[in-house]
Amino acid sequence: MEPQRGAAATDTSRFTVSGHRVDVGEALRTHAIEQLAGVAAKYFGGVEDVAVTFSRTGKGGFGCSIRVHSGRDLRFEGHAEDADAHAAFNQALERVAKQLRRRKRALREDKPVNPDKQGAL
């Protein structure tokens, strides 16, 4: 069954943004949900569950951990640390996006007939 595409796909997704000993403000929460919805819609047309956790590091910065469950037992994780919470989130999101991109490419290239491999006329 092919996942839904477009705005309807983000309606079925669950986004959880929380902080471990950190108060996550509304601006950071909104930024995280918007960015995650865009990445989810881009690669798989939506995801089932996304969990983002912000925490403090021992160095005075922030850590961000992202866990994505996109169905069919596909799970992706990314973690990053930075002095700024937004930067830590963006770095972790890049890692998750790279995993999603590679997985989508592997699924696409695994087809028996691939016009990209044979060349277009």
PDB file of N, CA and C in Angstrom:
ATOM      1  N   MET A   1       0.838  -1.175   0.000  1.00  0.00           N
ATOM      2  CA  MET A   1       0.000   0.000   0.000  1.00  0.00           C
ATOM      3  C   MET A   1       0.881   1.236   0.000  1.00  0.00           C
ATOM      4  N   GLU A   2       0.656   2.139  -0.923  1.00  0.00           N
ATOM      5  CA  GLU A   2       1.451   3.358  -1.082  1.00  0.00           C
ATOM      6  C   GLU A   2       1.030   4.392  -0.045  1.00  0.00           C
ATOM      7  N   PRO A   3       1.956   5.048   0.640  1.00  0.00           N
ATOM      8  CA  PRO A   3       1.578   6.068   1.618  1.00  0.00           C
ATOM      9  C   PRO A   3       0.958   7.283   0.945  1.00  0.00           C
ATOM     10  N   GLN A   4       0.170   8.014   1.709  1.00  0.00           N
ATOM     11  CA  GLN A   4      -0.482   9.210   1.195  1.00  0.00           C
ATOM     12  C   GLN A   4       0.548  10.283   0.915  1.00  0.00           C
ATOM     13  N   ARG A   5       0.219  11.152  -0.012  1.00  0.00           N
ATOM     14  CA  ARG A   5       1.090  12.269  -0.358  1.00  0.00           C
ATOM     15  C   ARG A   5       0.362  13.572  -0.103  1.00  0.00           C
ATOM     16  N   GLY A   6       1.144  14.638   0.170  1.00  0.00           N
ATOM     17  CA  GLY A   6       0.563  15.965   0.307  1.00  0.00           C
ATOM     18  C   GLY A   6       0.222  16.323   1.733  1.00  0.00           C
ATOM     19  N   ALA A   7      -0.671  17.310   1.888  1.00  0.00           N
ATOM     20  CA  ALA A   7      -1.012  17.845   3.204  1.00  0.00           C
ATOM     21  C   ALA A   7      -1.743  16.824   4.064  1.00  0.00           C
ATOM     22  N   ALA A   8      -2.510  15.920   3.448  1.00  0.00           N
ATOM     23  CA  ALA A   8      -3.258  14.931   4.217  1.00  0.00           C
ATOM     24  C   ALA A   8      -2.333  13.973   4.948  1.00  0.00           C
ATOM     25  N   ALA A   9      -1.133  13.771   4.436  1.00  0.00           N
ATOM     26  CA  ALA A   9      -0.192  12.845   5.062  1.00  0.00           C
ATOM     27  C   ALA A   9       0.269  13.361   6.422  1.00  0.00           C
ATOM     28  N   THR A  10       0.426  14.668   6.587  1.00  0.00           N
ATOM     29  CA  THR A  10       0.883  15.193   7.865  1.00  0.00           C
ATOM     30  C   THR A  10      -0.233  15.189   8.903  1.00  0.00           C
ATOM     31  N   ASP A  11      -1.484  15.091   8.467  1.00  0.00           N
ATOM     32  CA  ASP A  11      -2.591  15.032   9.408  1.00  0.00           C
ATOM     33  C   ASP A  11      -2.602  13.716  10.178  1.00  0.00           C
ATOM     34  N   THR A  12      -2.105  12.650   9.579  1.00  0.00           N
ATOM     35  CA  THR A  12      -2.104  11.350  10.228  1.00  0.00           C
ATOM     36  C   THR A  12      -0.836  11.102  11.036  1.00  0.00           C
ATOM     37  N   SER A  13       0.145  11.948  10.916  1.00  0.00           N
ATOM     38  CA  SER A  13       1.413  11.777  11.624  1.00  0.00           C
ATOM     39  C   SER A  13       1.314  12.312  13.043  1.00  0.00           C
ATOM     40  N   ARG A  14       2.072  11.682  13.939  1.00  0.00           N
ATOM     41  CA  ARG A  14       2.164  12.155  15.315  1.00  0.00           C
ATOM     42  C   ARG A  14       3.546  12.735  15.529  1.00  0.00           C
ATOM     43  N   PHE A  15       3.583  14.001  15.920  1.00  0.00           N
ATOM     44  CA  PHE A  15       4.839  14.675  16.215  1.00  0.00           C
ATOM     45  C   PHE A  15       4.882  14.962  17.706  1.00  0.00           C
ATOM     46  N   THR A  16       5.947  14.498  18.359  1.00  0.00           N
ATOM     47  CA  THR A  16       6.143  14.738  19.773  1.00  0.00           C
ATOM     48  C   THR A  16       7.454  15.488  19.949  1.00  0.00           C
ATOM     49  N   VAL A  17       7.366  16.693  20.498  1.00  0.00           N
ATOM     50  CA  VAL A  17       8.559  17.492  20.770  1.00  0.00           C
ATOM     51  C   VAL A  17       8.604  17.717  22.272  1.00  0.00           C
ATOM     52  N   SER A  18       9.647  17.230  22.912  1.00  0.00           N
ATOM     53  CA  SER A  18       9.738  17.338  24.366  1.00  0.00           C
ATOM     54  C   SER A  18      11.154  17.700  24.775  1.00  0.00           C
ATOM     55  N   GLY A  19      11.288  18.041  26.036  1.00  0.00           N
ATOM     56  CA  GLY A  19      12.591  18.383  26.579  1.00  0.00           C
ATOM     57  C   GLY A  19      12.895  17.540  27.796  1.00  0.00           C
ATOM     58  N   HIS A  20      14.114  17.099  27.898  1.00  0.00           N
ATOM     59  CA  HIS A  20      14.575  16.368  29.077  1.00  0.00           C
ATOM     60  C   HIS A  20      15.369  17.353  29.923  1.00  0.00           C
ATOM     61  N   ARG A  21      14.739  17.833  30.984  1.00  0.00           N
ATOM     62  CA  ARG A  21      15.308  18.868  31.859  1.00  0.00           C
ATOM     63  C   ARG A  21      15.541  20.183  31.117  1.00  0.00           C
ATOM     64  N   VAL A  22      14.775  20.392  30.049  1.00  0.00           N
ATOM     65  CA  VAL A  22      14.859  21.620  29.258  1.00  0.00           C
ATOM     66  C   VAL A  22      13.434  22.045  28.933  1.00  0.00           C
ATOM     67  N   ASP A  23      13.156  23.335  29.080  1.00  0.00           N
ATOM     68  CA  ASP A  23      11.855  23.857  28.695  1.00  0.00           C
ATOM     69  C   ASP A  23      11.895  24.193  27.206  1.00  0.00           C
ATOM     70  N   VAL A  24      11.088  23.493  26.425  1.00  0.00           N
ATOM     71  CA  VAL A  24      11.029  23.714  24.982  1.00  0.00           C
ATOM     72  C   VAL A  24       9.993  24.796  24.722  1.00  0.00           C
ATOM     73  N   GLY A  25      10.438  25.911  24.182  1.00  0.00           N
ATOM     74  CA  GLY A  25       9.539  27.016  23.908  1.00  0.00           C
ATOM     75  C   GLY A  25       8.659  26.754  22.704  1.00  0.00           C
ATOM     76  N   GLU A  26       7.639  27.586  22.551  1.00  0.00           N
ATOM     77  CA  GLU A  26       6.686  27.426  21.455  1.00  0.00           C
ATOM     78  C   GLU A  26       7.349  27.654  20.096  1.00  0.00           C
ATOM     79  N   ALA A  27       8.284  28.591  20.005  1.00  0.00           N
ATOM     80  CA  ALA A  27       8.957  28.864  18.737  1.00  0.00           C
ATOM     81  C   ALA A  27       9.779  27.656  18.281  1.00  0.00           C
ATOM     82  N   LEU A  28      10.509  27.039  19.198  1.00  0.00           N
ATOM     83  CA  LEU A  28      11.310  25.862  18.859  1.00  0.00           C
ATOM     84  C   LEU A  28      10.404  24.688  18.494  1.00  0.00           C
ATOM     85  N   ARG A  29       9.327  24.513  19.228  1.00  0.00           N
ATOM     86  CA  ARG A  29       8.374  23.426  18.953  1.00  0.00           C
ATOM     87  C   ARG A  29       7.768  23.593  17.553  1.00  0.00           C
ATOM     88  N   THR A  30       7.343  24.811  17.219  1.00  0.00           N
ATOM     89  CA  THR A  30       6.743  25.085  15.910  1.00  0.00           C
ATOM     90  C   THR A  30       7.756  24.868  14.792  1.00  0.00           C
ATOM     91  N   HIS A  31       8.983  25.358  14.997  1.00  0.00           N
ATOM     92  CA  HIS A  31      10.050  25.180  14.004  1.00  0.00           C
ATOM     93  C   HIS A  31      10.307  23.697  13.763  1.00  0.00           C
ATOM     94  N   ALA A  32      10.394  22.921  14.825  1.00  0.00           N
ATOM     95  CA  ALA A  32      10.678  21.492  14.699  1.00  0.00           C
ATOM     96  C   ALA A  32       9.560  20.774  13.947  1.00  0.00           C
ATOM     97  N   ILE A  33       8.322  21.052  14.280  1.00  0.00           N
ATOM     98  CA  ILE A  33       7.207  20.370  13.623  1.00  0.00           C
ATOM     99  C   ILE A  33       7.119  20.733  12.150  1.00  0.00           C
ATOM    100  N   GLU A  34       7.320  22.006  11.814  1.00  0.00           N
ATOM    101  CA  GLU A  34       7.271  22.419  10.409  1.00  0.00           C
ATOM    102  C   GLU A  34       8.375  21.751   9.596  1.00  0.00           C
ATOM    103  N   GLN A  35       9.587  21.721  10.120  1.00  0.00           N
ATOM    104  CA  GLN A  35      10.703  21.120   9.403  1.00  0.00           C
ATOM    105  C   GLN A  35      10.518  19.606   9.252  1.00  0.00           C
ATOM    106  N   LEU A  36      10.059  18.954  10.304  1.00  0.00           N
ATOM    107  CA  LEU A  36       9.851  17.512  10.246  1.00  0.00           C
ATOM    108  C   LEU A  36       8.738  17.145   9.274  1.00  0.00           C
ATOM    109  N   ALA A  37       7.677  17.932   9.244  1.00  0.00           N
ATOM    110  CA  ALA A  37       6.577  17.662   8.318  1.00  0.00           C
ATOM    111  C   ALA A  37       7.050  17.793   6.877  1.00  0.00           C
ATOM    112  N   GLY A  38       7.892  18.775   6.608  1.00  0.00           N
ATOM    113  CA  GLY A  38       8.426  18.946   5.260  1.00  0.00           C
ATOM    114  C   GLY A  38       9.297  17.784   4.828  1.00  0.00           C
ATOM    115  N   VAL A  39      10.173  17.335   5.703  1.00  0.00           N
ATOM    116  CA  VAL A  39      11.057  16.215   5.381  1.00  0.00           C
ATOM    117  C   VAL A  39      10.247  14.932   5.221  1.00  0.00           C
ATOM    118  N   ALA A  40       9.276  14.718   6.094  1.00  0.00           N
ATOM    119  CA  ALA A  40       8.457  13.510   6.023  1.00  0.00           C
ATOM    120  C   ALA A  40       7.654  13.460   4.726  1.00  0.00           C
ATOM    121  N   ALA A  41       7.077  14.578   4.343  1.00  0.00           N
ATOM    122  CA  ALA A  41       6.288  14.620   3.105  1.00  0.00           C
ATOM    123  C   ALA A  41       7.187  14.459   1.884  1.00  0.00           C
ATOM    124  N   LYS A  42       8.397  14.952   1.954  1.00  0.00           N
ATOM    125  CA  LYS A  42       9.309  14.899   0.810  1.00  0.00           C
ATOM    126  C   LYS A  42       9.754  13.473   0.502  1.00  0.00           C
ATOM    127  N   TYR A  43      10.066  12.703   1.515  1.00  0.00           N
ATOM    128  CA  TYR A  43      10.676  11.404   1.273  1.00  0.00           C
ATOM    129  C   TYR A  43       9.703  10.239   1.236  1.00  0.00           C
ATOM    130  N   PHE A  44       8.725  10.192   2.121  1.00  0.00           N
ATOM    131  CA  PHE A  44       7.825   9.052   2.137  1.00  0.00           C
ATOM    132  C   PHE A  44       6.358   9.449   2.138  1.00  0.00           C
ATOM    133  N   GLY A  45       6.060  10.698   1.900  1.00  0.00           N
ATOM    134  CA  GLY A  45       4.675  11.131   1.870  1.00  0.00           C
ATOM    135  C   GLY A  45       4.048  11.184   3.245  1.00  0.00           C
ATOM    136  N   GLY A  46       4.832  11.034   4.268  1.00  0.00           N
ATOM    137  CA  GLY A  46       4.327  11.083   5.640  1.00  0.00           C
ATOM    138  C   GLY A  46       4.961   9.999   6.475  1.00  0.00           C
ATOM    139  N   VAL A  47       4.856  10.152   7.758  1.00  0.00           N
ATOM    140  CA  VAL A  47       5.404   9.177   8.692  1.00  0.00           C
ATOM    141  C   VAL A  47       4.345   8.884   9.747  1.00  0.00           C
ATOM    142  N   GLU A  48       4.522   7.779  10.436  1.00  0.00           N
ATOM    143  CA  GLU A  48       3.578   7.428  11.480  1.00  0.00           C
ATOM    144  C   GLU A  48       3.858   8.190  12.774  1.00  0.00           C
ATOM    145  N   ASP A  49       5.122   8.219  13.168  1.00  0.00           N
ATOM    146  CA  ASP A  49       5.449   8.758  14.474  1.00  0.00           C
ATOM    147  C   ASP A  49       6.836   9.407  14.432  1.00  0.00           C
ATOM    148  N   VAL A  50       6.935  10.604  15.017  1.00  0.00           N
ATOM    149  CA  VAL A  50       8.218  11.293  15.122  1.00  0.00           C
ATOM    150  C   VAL A  50       8.358  11.785  16.561  1.00  0.00           C
ATOM    151  N   ALA A  51       9.494  11.497  17.171  1.00  0.00           N
ATOM    152  CA  ALA A  51       9.761  11.957  18.529  1.00  0.00           C
ATOM    153  C   ALA A  51      11.059  12.760  18.531  1.00  0.00           C
ATOM    154  N   VAL A  52      10.987  13.979  19.045  1.00  0.00           N
ATOM    155  CA  VAL A  52      12.153  14.854  19.159  1.00  0.00           C
ATOM    156  C   VAL A  52      12.361  15.149  20.630  1.00  0.00           C
ATOM    157  N   THR A  53      13.573  14.945  21.117  1.00  0.00           N
ATOM    158  CA  THR A  53      13.878  15.206  22.519  1.00  0.00           C
ATOM    159  C   THR A  53      15.089  16.125  22.598  1.00  0.00           C
ATOM    160  N   PHE A  54      14.915  17.234  23.291  1.00  0.00           N
ATOM    161  CA  PHE A  54      16.005  18.175  23.539  1.00  0.00           C
ATOM    162  C   PHE A  54      16.516  17.945  24.952  1.00  0.00           C
ATOM    163  N   SER A  55      17.827  18.040  25.120  1.00  0.00           N
ATOM    164  CA  SER A  55      18.415  17.856  26.440  1.00  0.00           C
ATOM    165  C   SER A  55      19.633  18.763  26.572  1.00  0.00           C
ATOM    166  N   ARG A  56      20.104  18.909  27.793  1.00  0.00           N
ATOM    167  CA  ARG A  56      21.327  19.663  28.056  1.00  0.00           C
ATOM    168  C   ARG A  56      22.510  18.714  27.997  1.00  0.00           C
ATOM    169  N   THR A  57      23.616  19.212  27.463  1.00  0.00           N
ATOM    170  CA  THR A  57      24.838  18.419  27.464  1.00  0.00           C
ATOM    171  C   THR A  57      25.699  18.856  28.639  1.00  0.00           C
ATOM    172  N   GLY A  58      26.714  18.090  28.918  1.00  0.00           N
ATOM    173  CA  GLY A  58      27.606  18.424  30.008  1.00  0.00           C
ATOM    174  C   GLY A  58      28.480  19.636  29.720  1.00  0.00           C
ATOM    175  N   LYS A  59      28.526  20.050  28.468  1.00  0.00           N
ATOM    176  CA  LYS A  59      29.372  21.169  28.061  1.00  0.00           C
ATOM    177  C   LYS A  59      28.617  22.490  28.042  1.00  0.00           C
ATOM    178  N   GLY A  60      27.377  22.503  28.510  1.00  0.00           N
ATOM    179  CA  GLY A  60      26.592  23.730  28.526  1.00  0.00           C
ATOM    180  C   GLY A  60      25.785  23.968  27.274  1.00  0.00           C
ATOM    181  N   GLY A  61      25.816  23.047  26.334  1.00  0.00           N
ATOM    182  CA  GLY A  61      25.065  23.188  25.092  1.00  0.00           C
ATOM    183  C   GLY A  61      23.785  22.375  25.128  1.00  0.00           C
ATOM    184  N   PHE A  62      23.276  22.094  23.941  1.00  0.00           N
ATOM    185  CA  PHE A  62      22.036  21.340  23.809  1.00  0.00           C
ATOM    186  C   PHE A  62      22.278  20.106  22.959  1.00  0.00           C
ATOM    187  N   GLY A  63      21.561  19.057  23.287  1.00  0.00           N
ATOM    188  CA  GLY A  63      21.552  17.846  22.482  1.00  0.00           C
ATOM    189  C   GLY A  63      20.157  17.659  21.925  1.00  0.00           C
ATOM    190  N   CYS A  64      20.064  17.131  20.726  1.00  0.00           N
ATOM    191  CA  CYS A  64      18.776  16.876  20.100  1.00  0.00           C
ATOM    192  C   CYS A  64      18.793  15.468  19.531  1.00  0.00           C
ATOM    193  N   SER A  65      17.777  14.702  19.874  1.00  0.00           N
ATOM    194  CA  SER A  65      17.638  13.346  19.378  1.00  0.00           C
ATOM    195  C   SER A  65      16.314  13.238  18.637  1.00  0.00           C
ATOM    196  N   ILE A  66      16.360  12.733  17.399  1.00  0.00           N
ATOM    197  CA  ILE A  66      15.158  12.586  16.580  1.00  0.00           C
ATOM    198  C   ILE A  66      14.994  11.112  16.248  1.00  0.00           C
ATOM    199  N   ARG A  67      13.789  10.603  16.461  1.00  0.00           N
ATOM    200  CA  ARG A  67      13.459   9.226  16.106  1.00  0.00           C
ATOM    201  C   ARG A  67      12.233   9.256  15.208  1.00  0.00           C
ATOM    202  N   VAL A  68      12.351   8.629  14.040  1.00  0.00           N
ATOM    203  CA  VAL A  68      11.287   8.626  13.048  1.00  0.00           C
ATOM    204  C   VAL A  68      10.877   7.189  12.780  1.00  0.00           C
ATOM    205  N   HIS A  69       9.574   6.941  12.839  1.00  0.00           N
ATOM    206  CA  HIS A  69       9.024   5.645  12.458  1.00  0.00           C
ATOM    207  C   HIS A  69       8.130   5.893  11.257  1.00  0.00           C
ATOM    208  N   SER A  70       8.540   5.380  10.101  1.00  0.00           N
ATOM    209  CA  SER A  70       7.798   5.674   8.876  1.00  0.00           C
ATOM    210  C   SER A  70       6.981   4.490   8.390  1.00  0.00           C
ATOM    211  N   GLY A  71       6.697   3.554   9.248  1.00  0.00           N
ATOM    212  CA  GLY A  71       5.878   2.410   8.870  1.00  0.00           C
ATOM    213  C   GLY A  71       6.728   1.293   8.308  1.00  0.00           C
ATOM    214  N   ARG A  72       6.122   0.138   8.142  1.00  0.00           N
ATOM    215  CA  ARG A  72       6.790  -1.038   7.593  1.00  0.00           C
ATOM    216  C   ARG A  72       8.096  -1.344   8.305  1.00  0.00           C
ATOM    217  N   ASP A  73       8.134  -1.117   9.592  1.00  0.00           N
ATOM    218  CA  ASP A  73       9.326  -1.355  10.420  1.00  0.00           C
ATOM    219  C   ASP A  73      10.541  -0.558   9.960  1.00  0.00           C
ATOM    220  N   LEU A  74      10.317   0.611   9.388  1.00  0.00           N
ATOM    221  CA  LEU A  74      11.404   1.503   9.009  1.00  0.00           C
ATOM    222  C   LEU A  74      11.576   2.532  10.118  1.00  0.00           C
ATOM    223  N   ARG A  75      12.728   2.503  10.761  1.00  0.00           N
ATOM    224  CA  ARG A  75      13.022   3.429  11.849  1.00  0.00           C
ATOM    225  C   ARG A  75      14.351   4.119  11.556  1.00  0.00           C
ATOM    226  N   PHE A  76      14.362   5.429  11.805  1.00  0.00           N
ATOM    227  CA  PHE A  76      15.539   6.238  11.544  1.00  0.00           C
ATOM    228  C   PHE A  76      15.812   7.092  12.770  1.00  0.00           C
ATOM    229  N   GLU A  77      17.093   7.276  13.087  1.00  0.00           N
ATOM    230  CA  GLU A  77      17.478   8.058  14.256  1.00  0.00           C
ATOM    231  C   GLU A  77      18.614   9.004  13.909  1.00  0.00           C
ATOM    232  N   GLY A  78      18.584  10.175  14.539  1.00  0.00           N
ATOM    233  CA  GLY A  78      19.650  11.141  14.378  1.00  0.00           C
ATOM    234  C   GLY A  78      19.867  11.886  15.681  1.00  0.00           C
ATOM    235  N   HIS A  79      21.121  12.184  15.988  1.00  0.00           N
ATOM    236  CA  HIS A  79      21.451  12.889  17.222  1.00  0.00           C
ATOM    237  C   HIS A  79      22.536  13.910  16.911  1.00  0.00           C
ATOM    238  N   ALA A  80      22.429  15.069  17.539  1.00  0.00           N
ATOM    239  CA  ALA A  80      23.451  16.100  17.363  1.00  0.00           C
ATOM    240  C   ALA A  80      23.540  16.941  18.624  1.00  0.00           C
ATOM    241  N   GLU A  81      24.696  17.580  18.805  1.00  0.00           N
ATOM    242  CA  GLU A  81      24.924  18.489  19.928  1.00  0.00           C
ATOM    243  C   GLU A  81      25.486  19.793  19.399  1.00  0.00           C
ATOM    244  N   ASP A  82      25.033  20.901  19.992  1.00  0.00           N
ATOM    245  CA  ASP A  82      25.518  22.217  19.599  1.00  0.00           C
ATOM    246  C   ASP A  82      25.237  23.176  20.749  1.00  0.00           C
ATOM    247  N   ALA A  83      25.835  24.357  20.685  1.00  0.00           N
ATOM    248  CA  ALA A  83      25.612  25.372  21.714  1.00  0.00           C
ATOM    249  C   ALA A  83      24.202  25.959  21.619  1.00  0.00           C
ATOM    250  N   ASP A  84      23.579  25.896  20.441  1.00  0.00           N
ATOM    251  CA  ASP A  84      22.241  26.431  20.218  1.00  0.00           C
ATOM    252  C   ASP A  84      21.278  25.272  19.951  1.00  0.00           C
ATOM    253  N   ALA A  85      20.075  25.339  20.526  1.00  0.00           N
ATOM    254  CA  ALA A  85      19.094  24.268  20.366  1.00  0.00           C
ATOM    255  C   ALA A  85      18.618  24.157  18.922  1.00  0.00           C
ATOM    256  N   HIS A  86      18.424  25.291  18.247  1.00  0.00           N
ATOM    257  CA  HIS A  86      17.983  25.262  16.848  1.00  0.00           C
ATOM    258  C   HIS A  86      19.044  24.607  15.958  1.00  0.00           C
ATOM    259  N   ALA A  87      20.300  24.922  16.194  1.00  0.00           N
ATOM    260  CA  ALA A  87      21.391  24.340  15.409  1.00  0.00           C
ATOM    261  C   ALA A  87      21.501  22.838  15.659  1.00  0.00           C
ATOM    262  N   ALA A  88      21.339  22.420  16.902  1.00  0.00           N
ATOM    263  CA  ALA A  88      21.387  20.995  17.222  1.00  0.00           C
ATOM    264  C   ALA A  88      20.259  20.260  16.514  1.00  0.00           C
ATOM    265  N   PHE A  89      19.061  20.859  16.505  1.00  0.00           N
ATOM    266  CA  PHE A  89      17.933  20.245  15.812  1.00  0.00           C
ATOM    267  C   PHE A  89      18.211  20.136  14.313  1.00  0.00           C
ATOM    268  N   ASN A  90      18.704  21.206  13.707  1.00  0.00           N
ATOM    269  CA  ASN A  90      18.973  21.193  12.268  1.00  0.00           C
ATOM    270  C   ASN A  90      20.010  20.140  11.890  1.00  0.00           C
ATOM    271  N   GLN A  91      21.035  19.964  12.710  1.00  0.00           N
ATOM    272  CA  GLN A  91      22.058  18.955  12.429  1.00  0.00           C
ATOM    273  C   GLN A  91      21.478  17.541  12.550  1.00  0.00           C
ATOM    274  N   ALA A  92      20.669  17.310  13.578  1.00  0.00           N
ATOM    275  CA  ALA A  92      20.050  15.996  13.745  1.00  0.00           C
ATOM    276  C   ALA A  92      19.074  15.716  12.609  1.00  0.00           C
ATOM    277  N   LEU A  93      18.347  16.741  12.172  1.00  0.00           N
ATOM    278  CA  LEU A  93      17.410  16.573  11.065  1.00  0.00           C
ATOM    279  C   LEU A  93      18.140  16.246   9.764  1.00  0.00           C
ATOM    280  N   GLU A  94      19.303  16.845   9.548  1.00  0.00           N
ATOM    281  CA  GLU A  94      20.105  16.519   8.359  1.00  0.00           C
ATOM    282  C   GLU A  94      20.498  15.048   8.362  1.00  0.00           C
ATOM    283  N   ARG A  95      20.856  14.519   9.525  1.00  0.00           N
ATOM    284  CA  ARG A  95      21.243  13.110   9.615  1.00  0.00           C
ATOM    285  C   ARG A  95      20.061  12.195   9.312  1.00  0.00           C
ATOM    286  N   VAL A  96      18.893  12.536   9.837  1.00  0.00           N
ATOM    287  CA  VAL A  96      17.704  11.728   9.574  1.00  0.00           C
ATOM    288  C   VAL A  96      17.308  11.836   8.105  1.00  0.00           C
ATOM    289  N   ALA A  97      17.376  13.036   7.546  1.00  0.00           N
ATOM    290  CA  ALA A  97      17.018  13.235   6.137  1.00  0.00           C
ATOM    291  C   ALA A  97      17.943  12.432   5.228  1.00  0.00           C
ATOM    292  N   LYS A  98      19.222  12.361   5.580  1.00  0.00           N
ATOM    293  CA  LYS A  98      20.166  11.576   4.784  1.00  0.00           C
ATOM    294  C   LYS A  98      19.795  10.102   4.813  1.00  0.00           C
ATOM    295  N   GLN A  99      19.420   9.592   5.985  1.00  0.00           N
ATOM    296  CA  GLN A  99      19.006   8.198   6.086  1.00  0.00           C
ATOM    297  C   GLN A  99      17.743   7.940   5.274  1.00  0.00           C
ATOM    298  N   LEU A 100      16.766   8.862   5.352  1.00  0.00           N
ATOM    299  CA  LEU A 100      15.528   8.724   4.581  1.00  0.00           C
ATOM    300  C   LEU A 100      15.824   8.757   3.079  1.00  0.00           C
ATOM    301  N   ARG A 101      16.673   9.670   2.667  1.00  0.00           N
ATOM    302  CA  ARG A 101      17.018   9.805   1.252  1.00  0.00           C
ATOM    303  C   ARG A 101      17.692   8.534   0.732  1.00  0.00           C
ATOM    304  N   ARG A 102      18.610   7.988   1.498  1.00  0.00           N
ATOM    305  CA  ARG A 102      19.304   6.770   1.071  1.00  0.00           C
ATOM    306  C   ARG A 102      18.360   5.574   1.011  1.00  0.00           C
ATOM    307  N   ARG A 103      17.455   5.494   1.979  1.00  0.00           N
ATOM    308  CA  ARG A 103      16.498   4.387   1.994  1.00  0.00           C
ATOM    309  C   ARG A 103      15.539   4.490   0.810  1.00  0.00           C
ATOM    310  N   LYS A 104      15.078   5.699   0.516  1.00  0.00           N
ATOM    311  CA  LYS A 104      14.165   5.883  -0.609  1.00  0.00           C
ATOM    312  C   LYS A 104      14.874   5.533  -1.917  1.00  0.00           C
ATOM    313  N   ARG A 105      16.119   5.947  -2.058  1.00  0.00           N
ATOM    314  CA  ARG A 105      16.886   5.617  -3.256  1.00  0.00           C
ATOM    315  C   ARG A 105      17.058   4.112  -3.383  1.00  0.00           C
ATOM    316  N   ALA A 106      17.350   3.425  -2.287  1.00  0.00           N
ATOM    317  CA  ALA A 106      17.521   1.976  -2.327  1.00  0.00           C
ATOM    318  C   ALA A 106      16.223   1.287  -2.729  1.00  0.00           C
ATOM    319  N   LEU A 107      15.102   1.765  -2.221  1.00  0.00           N
ATOM    320  CA  LEU A 107      13.816   1.179  -2.596  1.00  0.00           C
ATOM    321  C   LEU A 107      13.509   1.434  -4.072  1.00  0.00           C
ATOM    322  N   ARG A 108      13.822   2.616  -4.546  1.00  0.00           N
ATOM    323  CA  ARG A 108      13.543   2.977  -5.938  1.00  0.00           C
ATOM    324  C   ARG A 108      14.436   2.186  -6.889  1.00  0.00           C
ATOM    325  N   GLU A 109      15.689   2.008  -6.560  1.00  0.00           N
ATOM    326  CA  GLU A 109      16.621   1.317  -7.441  1.00  0.00           C
ATOM    327  C   GLU A 109      16.511  -0.194  -7.357  1.00  0.00           C
ATOM    328  N   ASP A 110      15.747  -0.698  -6.413  1.00  0.00           N
ATOM    329  CA  ASP A 110      15.587  -2.130  -6.259  1.00  0.00           C
ATOM    330  C   ASP A 110      14.501  -2.682  -7.192  1.00  0.00           C
ATOM    331  N   LYS A 111      13.820  -1.822  -7.917  1.00  0.00           N
ATOM    332  CA  LYS A 111      12.758  -2.249  -8.830  1.00  0.00           C
ATOM    333  C   LYS A 111      13.370  -3.052  -9.979  1.00  0.00           C
ATOM    334  N   PRO A 112      12.624  -4.003 -10.560  1.00  0.00           N
ATOM    335  CA  PRO A 112      13.171  -4.794 -11.655  1.00  0.00           C
ATOM    336  C   PRO A 112      13.470  -3.967 -12.908  1.00  0.00           C
ATOM    337  N   VAL A 113      12.633  -2.978 -13.211  1.00  0.00           N
ATOM    338  CA  VAL A 113      12.859  -2.109 -14.361  1.00  0.00           C
ATOM    339  C   VAL A 113      12.940  -0.686 -13.863  1.00  0.00           C
ATOM    340  N   ASN A 114      14.085  -0.070 -14.056  1.00  0.00           N
ATOM    341  CA  ASN A 114      14.287   1.296 -13.588  1.00  0.00           C
ATOM    342  C   ASN A 114      14.698   2.157 -14.775  1.00  0.00           C
ATOM    343  N   PRO A 115      13.844   3.098 -15.195  1.00  0.00           N
ATOM    344  CA  PRO A 115      14.196   3.926 -16.339  1.00  0.00           C
ATOM    345  C   PRO A 115      15.437   4.796 -16.102  1.00  0.00           C
ATOM    346  N   ASP A 116      15.721   5.129 -14.870  1.00  0.00           N
ATOM    347  CA  ASP A 116      16.917   5.929 -14.584  1.00  0.00           C
ATOM    348  C   ASP A 116      18.202   5.154 -14.875  1.00  0.00           C
ATOM    349  N   LYS A 117      18.201   3.852 -14.590  1.00  0.00           N
ATOM    350  CA  LYS A 117      19.395   3.052 -14.836  1.00  0.00           C
ATOM    351  C   LYS A 117      19.597   2.787 -16.331  1.00  0.00           C
ATOM    352  N   GLN A 118      18.509   2.615 -17.077  1.00  0.00           N
ATOM    353  CA  GLN A 118      18.614   2.289 -18.493  1.00  0.00           C
ATOM    354  C   GLN A 118      18.778   3.508 -19.368  1.00  0.00           C
ATOM    355  N   GLY A 119      18.528   4.689 -18.835  1.00  0.00           N
ATOM    356  CA  GLY A 119      18.658   5.911 -19.620  1.00  0.00           C
ATOM    357  C   GLY A 119      17.345   6.250 -20.322  1.00  0.00           C
ATOM    358  N   ALA A 120      16.998   7.499 -20.295  1.00  0.00           N
ATOM    359  CA  ALA A 120      15.771   7.938 -20.936  1.00  0.00           C
ATOM    360  C   ALA A 120      16.046   8.275 -22.392  1.00  0.00           C
ATOM    361  N   LEU A 121      15.067   8.040 -23.231  1.00  0.00           N
ATOM    362  CA  LEU A 121      15.198   8.355 -24.657  1.00  0.00           C
ATOM    363  C   LEU A 121      14.817   9.770 -24.946  1.00  0.00           C
TER     364      LEU A 121
END
